[in-house]
Amino acid sequence: MAAHDLRVLIVGGSLVGLCSAIALARRGAHVTVLERTPRGRYEGGGGLGVDVGLIAEVTGLGESPPVCWGRDRATTAWPLLVDWLENHARRIGGIELRRDAEVVDAGDGWAQVVDGVRYEADLVIGADGTRSTVRRSVAPEHPDAVYAGFLLWRAMVPEADLPADILPAQDEPSREHYSGPYRLVTYPSPAPTAKQRAGTGG
């Protein structure tokens, strides 16, 4: 079946779901994205490293997403990137984005939302996270995500307690530091006085 003949359901309208929708629609597929979060109510994520080149390769979008360019990486906030992708998705023909549509069951070529409405398609893509409804429905023998062997610790540390070489420079959004198999990423965060620039106690 050619891409322009495909009817695709994507469960989950965050980063992977929206990138997939844009990529498929630009190839002629008719895509419906079902996202459980109401419009304007998306919460989650914080500092986020972004591979701008990979996003462009997957989506075909030539415009750069909203990022800050640091010495080591491009960074943004999760909601900013989701909003940017959603705005592009809404402007591209062939994409129907439905928010406040929580999928409670799915199967071979269909997905059903909490109010009982059933959507059918040639292809269903589960982009609904670690507690994926799609995964539980189509692979009940493997209902949970498999641990990939990576562990992430997040902590707030006073600037004065960190070595100077791992601190972001003034106006730099983040800095990476590698030590063997470990990677430390530092982001400036506002202090109680709301100062956020390097060297001001943030």
Protein backbone atom coordinates (compact mmCIF):
# COMPACT_ATOMS: atom_id res chain seq x y z
CA MET A 1 0.00 0.00 0.00
CA ALA A 2 1.42 3.39 -1.00
CA ALA A 3 1.88 6.06 1.65
CA HIS A 4 -0.79 8.28 0.09
CA ASP A 5 -3.36 5.49 0.56
CA LEU A 6 -2.65 4.97 4.26
CA ARG A 7 -5.03 5.92 7.03
CA VAL A 8 -2.94 6.16 10.18
CA LEU A 9 -3.94 6.48 13.83
CA ILE A 10 -1.27 7.78 16.20
CA VAL A 11 -2.00 7.37 19.89
CA GLY A 12 -0.08 10.07 21.73
CA GLY A 13 0.49 13.63 20.59
CA SER A 14 3.79 14.47 22.22
CA LEU A 15 7.21 14.58 20.55
CA VAL A 16 7.30 11.17 18.86
CA GLY A 17 3.64 11.20 17.92
CA LEU A 18 3.78 14.65 16.33
CA CYS A 19 7.06 13.99 14.51
CA SER A 20 5.59 10.75 13.12
CA ALA A 21 2.38 12.51 12.07
CA ILE A 22 4.26 15.24 10.21
CA ALA A 23 6.57 12.76 8.49
CA LEU A 24 3.70 10.53 7.35
CA ALA A 25 1.44 13.39 6.24
CA ARG A 26 4.23 14.92 4.16
CA ARG A 27 4.36 11.57 2.34
CA GLY A 28 0.64 11.68 1.65
CA ALA A 29 -0.85 9.62 4.49
CA HIS A 30 -4.08 10.65 6.21
CA VAL A 31 -3.19 10.87 9.91
CA THR A 32 -5.33 11.19 13.02
CA VAL A 33 -3.51 11.94 16.29
CA LEU A 34 -5.31 11.11 19.53
CA GLU A 35 -3.89 12.97 22.55
CA ARG A 36 -5.44 12.68 26.00
CA THR A 37 -4.24 16.10 27.21
CA PRO A 38 -6.66 19.01 26.66
CA ARG A 39 -5.41 21.95 24.62
CA GLY A 40 -3.28 24.25 26.73
CA ARG A 41 -3.05 21.78 29.60
CA TYR A 42 0.13 19.96 28.63
CA GLU A 43 2.43 19.55 31.58
CA GLY A 44 5.66 17.63 32.02
CA GLY A 45 9.26 17.74 31.05
CA GLY A 46 11.83 20.34 31.85
CA GLY A 47 15.21 20.99 30.29
CA LEU A 48 15.46 18.91 27.13
CA GLY A 49 18.42 18.26 24.86
CA VAL A 50 17.39 18.47 21.20
CA ASP A 51 18.94 16.89 18.12
CA VAL A 52 17.83 19.59 15.68
CA GLY A 53 19.29 17.76 12.67
CA LEU A 54 17.41 14.55 13.50
CA ILE A 55 14.10 16.39 13.88
CA ALA A 56 14.65 18.01 10.48
CA GLU A 57 15.55 14.65 8.92
CA VAL A 58 12.46 12.91 10.32
CA THR A 59 9.89 15.65 9.75
CA GLY A 60 11.29 17.37 6.68
CA LEU A 61 10.78 20.74 8.38
CA GLY A 62 13.39 23.30 7.41
CA GLU A 63 12.65 25.71 10.24
CA SER A 64 14.66 25.34 13.44
CA PRO A 65 12.65 24.49 16.56
CA PRO A 66 12.74 26.88 19.55
CA VAL A 67 16.09 26.03 21.10
CA CYS A 68 18.99 27.73 22.82
CA TRP A 69 22.35 26.88 21.28
CA GLY A 70 25.03 26.06 23.82
CA ARG A 71 28.64 24.99 23.38
CA ASP A 72 27.74 21.30 23.66
CA ARG A 73 24.10 20.99 22.71
CA ALA A 74 20.83 22.64 21.75
CA THR A 75 18.29 22.76 24.57
CA THR A 76 14.67 23.73 25.03
CA ALA A 77 11.71 23.02 27.30
CA TRP A 78 9.43 20.08 26.55
CA PRO A 79 6.19 22.13 26.22
CA LEU A 80 7.88 24.61 23.88
CA LEU A 81 8.92 21.86 21.49
CA VAL A 82 5.52 20.15 21.65
CA ASP A 83 3.76 23.44 20.86
CA TRP A 84 6.11 24.10 17.93
CA LEU A 85 5.49 20.63 16.47
CA GLU A 86 1.75 20.90 17.04
CA ASN A 87 1.57 24.26 15.26
CA HIS A 88 3.33 22.74 12.25
CA ALA A 89 1.09 19.66 12.36
CA ARG A 90 -2.05 21.81 12.30
CA ARG A 91 -0.80 23.66 9.22
CA ILE A 92 0.02 20.52 7.25
CA GLY A 93 -2.78 18.97 5.21
CA GLY A 94 -3.73 15.41 6.06
CA ILE A 95 -3.37 15.66 9.85
CA GLU A 96 -6.31 15.70 12.24
CA LEU A 97 -5.21 16.34 15.81
CA ARG A 98 -7.74 15.49 18.50
CA ARG A 99 -6.98 16.53 22.07
CA ASP A 100 -8.86 15.41 25.16
CA ALA A 101 -9.13 12.00 23.47
CA GLU A 102 -7.89 9.39 25.94
CA VAL A 103 -7.44 5.99 24.31
CA VAL A 104 -8.59 3.15 26.58
CA ASP A 105 -8.31 0.20 24.17
CA ALA A 106 -6.70 -0.57 20.83
CA GLY A 107 -6.21 -3.45 18.47
CA ASP A 108 -5.38 -4.37 14.89
CA GLY A 109 -6.37 -1.26 12.98
CA TRP A 110 -8.48 0.48 15.61
CA ALA A 111 -8.41 2.51 18.81
CA GLN A 112 -11.23 3.44 21.17
CA VAL A 113 -11.35 6.56 23.32
CA VAL A 114 -12.87 6.91 26.77
CA ASP A 115 -16.23 8.22 25.53
CA GLY A 116 -16.72 5.10 23.40
CA VAL A 117 -15.84 6.52 19.99
CA ARG A 118 -13.88 4.01 17.92
CA TYR A 119 -11.40 5.10 15.26
CA GLU A 120 -10.28 2.75 12.49
CA ALA A 121 -7.22 2.91 10.27
CA ASP A 122 -4.81 0.83 8.22
CA LEU A 123 -2.05 1.40 10.77
CA VAL A 124 -2.01 2.21 14.48
CA ILE A 125 1.13 3.71 16.02
CA GLY A 126 1.55 3.68 19.79
CA ALA A 127 3.37 6.85 20.86
CA ASP A 128 1.71 6.91 24.26
CA GLY A 129 4.68 6.50 26.57
CA THR A 130 5.88 3.95 29.08
CA ARG A 131 2.38 3.04 30.27
CA SER A 132 1.21 2.53 26.71
CA THR A 133 -2.40 1.46 26.19
CA VAL A 134 -1.48 0.38 22.65
CA ARG A 135 1.29 -1.89 23.91
CA ARG A 136 -0.99 -3.57 26.47
CA SER A 137 -3.63 -4.12 23.79
CA VAL A 138 -1.53 -5.47 20.95
CA ALA A 139 1.12 -7.30 23.01
CA PRO A 140 -0.54 -8.39 26.28
CA GLU A 141 2.37 -10.73 26.95
CA HIS A 142 4.65 -7.66 27.12
CA PRO A 143 2.43 -4.98 28.72
CA ASP A 144 5.23 -2.87 30.16
CA ALA A 145 8.16 -1.01 28.70
CA VAL A 146 11.47 -2.86 28.88
CA TYR A 147 14.21 -1.24 30.96
CA ALA A 148 16.97 -0.20 28.56
CA GLY A 149 19.71 -0.05 31.19
CA PHE A 150 19.93 3.73 31.56
CA LEU A 151 19.44 5.67 34.78
CA LEU A 152 18.93 9.40 35.14
CA TRP A 153 19.35 11.36 38.38
CA ARG A 154 18.07 14.92 38.63
CA ALA A 155 19.03 17.22 41.48
CA MET A 156 19.28 20.88 42.41
CA VAL A 157 22.84 21.82 43.36
CA PRO A 158 24.05 25.30 44.43
CA GLU A 159 26.33 26.83 41.83
CA ALA A 160 29.08 27.35 44.44
CA ASP A 161 29.27 23.58 45.04
CA LEU A 162 30.07 22.73 41.40
CA PRO A 163 33.50 22.78 39.69
CA ALA A 164 33.88 25.75 37.37
CA ASP A 165 34.50 23.61 34.27
CA ILE A 166 31.03 22.02 34.33
CA LEU A 167 29.07 25.22 34.88
CA PRO A 168 27.32 26.80 31.88
CA ALA A 169 28.92 30.06 30.87
CA GLN A 170 27.00 33.31 31.02
CA ASP A 171 23.89 33.09 28.77
CA GLU A 172 24.70 29.46 27.92
CA PRO A 173 21.64 27.20 28.35
CA SER A 174 23.49 24.05 29.40
CA ARG A 175 26.84 22.28 29.54
CA GLU A 176 27.76 18.61 29.18
CA HIS A 177 30.59 16.88 31.01
CA TYR A 178 31.67 13.31 30.28
CA SER A 179 33.47 10.98 32.68
CA GLY A 180 33.84 7.41 31.45
CA PRO A 181 30.37 5.97 30.78
CA TYR A 182 28.70 8.81 32.71
CA ARG A 183 27.37 12.10 31.43
CA LEU A 184 26.56 15.14 33.54
CA VAL A 185 24.33 17.83 32.08
CA THR A 186 24.01 21.13 33.96
CA TYR A 187 21.24 23.68 33.44
CA PRO A 188 21.00 27.04 35.21
CA SER A 189 17.93 27.31 37.42
CA PRO A 190 16.53 30.41 39.16
CA ALA A 191 17.69 30.98 42.73
CA PRO A 192 15.25 32.24 45.39
CA THR A 193 16.11 35.76 44.27
CA ALA A 194 15.03 34.80 40.72
CA LYS A 195 18.55 35.32 39.37
CA GLN A 196 19.45 32.78 36.72
CA ARG A 197 22.66 33.89 35.04
CA ALA A 198 25.91 32.08 35.74
CA GLY A 199 27.89 33.62 38.55
CA THR A 200 24.86 35.13 40.30
CA GLY A 201 24.25 32.31 42.75
CA GLY A 202 21.63 30.34 40.74
